[in-house]
Amino acid sequence: MNRNTQRARAIAIAQARPDTKLAAVRFLMLATGATAALVALLIAHAV
């Protein structure tokens, strides 16, 4: 593997890392929203 290929791979990995972090944050926000909606639904049913 030559130097250029190594460099291209390193750049691709560096670009991919923030994307996985963003996906994790997005999933966490989605889970939080779903939990809040479920709690609101349960409270509405209880009243």
C-alpha atoms as a PDB file:
ATOM      1  CA  MET A   1       0.000   0.000   0.000  1.00  0.00           C
ATOM      2  CA  ASN A   2       1.528   3.291  -1.051  1.00  0.00           C
ATOM      3  CA  ARG A   3       1.571   6.548   0.886  1.00  0.00           C
ATOM      4  CA  ASN A   4      -1.320   8.121  -1.062  1.00  0.00           C
ATOM      5  CA  THR A   5      -3.664   5.199  -0.343  1.00  0.00           C
ATOM      6  CA  GLN A   6      -2.769   5.324   3.349  1.00  0.00           C
ATOM      7  CA  ARG A   7      -3.459   9.055   3.417  1.00  0.00           C
ATOM      8  CA  ALA A   8      -6.807   8.631   1.662  1.00  0.00           C
ATOM      9  CA  ARG A   9      -7.810   5.932   4.145  1.00  0.00           C
ATOM     10  CA  ALA A  10      -6.783   8.102   7.123  1.00  0.00           C
ATOM     11  CA  ILE A  11      -8.858  11.011   5.791  1.00  0.00           C
ATOM     12  CA  ALA A  12     -11.862   8.730   5.217  1.00  0.00           C
ATOM     13  CA  ILE A  13     -11.626   7.400   8.794  1.00  0.00           C
ATOM     14  CA  ALA A  14     -11.264  10.934  10.193  1.00  0.00           C
ATOM     15  CA  GLN A  15     -14.374  12.032   8.294  1.00  0.00           C
ATOM     16  CA  ALA A  16     -16.380   8.972   9.342  1.00  0.00           C
ATOM     17  CA  ARG A  17     -15.758   9.369  13.096  1.00  0.00           C
ATOM     18  CA  PRO A  18     -17.765  12.574  13.752  1.00  0.00           C
ATOM     19  CA  ASP A  19     -20.593  11.069  11.688  1.00  0.00           C
ATOM     20  CA  THR A  20     -20.922   8.063  14.037  1.00  0.00           C
ATOM     21  CA  LYS A  21     -20.898  10.429  17.024  1.00  0.00           C
ATOM     22  CA  LEU A  22     -23.642  12.507  15.384  1.00  0.00           C
ATOM     23  CA  ALA A  23     -25.680   9.354  14.735  1.00  0.00           C
ATOM     24  CA  ALA A  24     -25.351   8.362  18.401  1.00  0.00           C
ATOM     25  CA  VAL A  25     -26.496  11.814  19.563  1.00  0.00           C
ATOM     26  CA  ARG A  26     -29.405  11.710  17.101  1.00  0.00           C
ATOM     27  CA  PHE A  27     -30.447   8.261  18.365  1.00  0.00           C
ATOM     28  CA  LEU A  28     -30.209   9.451  21.967  1.00  0.00           C
ATOM     29  CA  MET A  29     -32.416  12.469  21.192  1.00  0.00           C
ATOM     30  CA  LEU A  30     -34.914  10.194  19.432  1.00  0.00           C
ATOM     31  CA  ALA A  31     -34.993   7.839  22.427  1.00  0.00           C
ATOM     32  CA  THR A  32     -35.470  10.785  24.816  1.00  0.00           C
ATOM     33  CA  GLY A  33     -38.333  12.122  22.700  1.00  0.00           C
ATOM     34  CA  ALA A  34     -39.998   8.713  22.546  1.00  0.00           C
ATOM     35  CA  THR A  35     -39.703   8.310  26.329  1.00  0.00           C
ATOM     36  CA  ALA A  36     -41.199  11.760  26.929  1.00  0.00           C
ATOM     37  CA  ALA A  37     -44.082  10.981  24.556  1.00  0.00           C
ATOM     38  CA  LEU A  38     -44.727   7.666  26.305  1.00  0.00           C
ATOM     39  CA  VAL A  39     -44.730   9.319  29.748  1.00  0.00           C
ATOM     40  CA  ALA A  40     -47.129  12.010  28.494  1.00  0.00           C
ATOM     41  CA  LEU A  41     -49.408   9.314  27.079  1.00  0.00           C
ATOM     42  CA  LEU A  42     -49.394   7.374  30.361  1.00  0.00           C
ATOM     43  CA  ILE A  43     -50.186  10.524  32.346  1.00  0.00           C
ATOM     44  CA  ALA A  44     -53.024  11.377  29.949  1.00  0.00           C
ATOM     45  CA  HIS A  45     -54.454   7.875  30.406  1.00  0.00           C
ATOM     46  CA  ALA A  46     -54.109   7.997  34.185  1.00  0.00           C
ATOM     47  CA  VAL A  47     -56.057  11.260  34.504  1.00  0.00           C
END
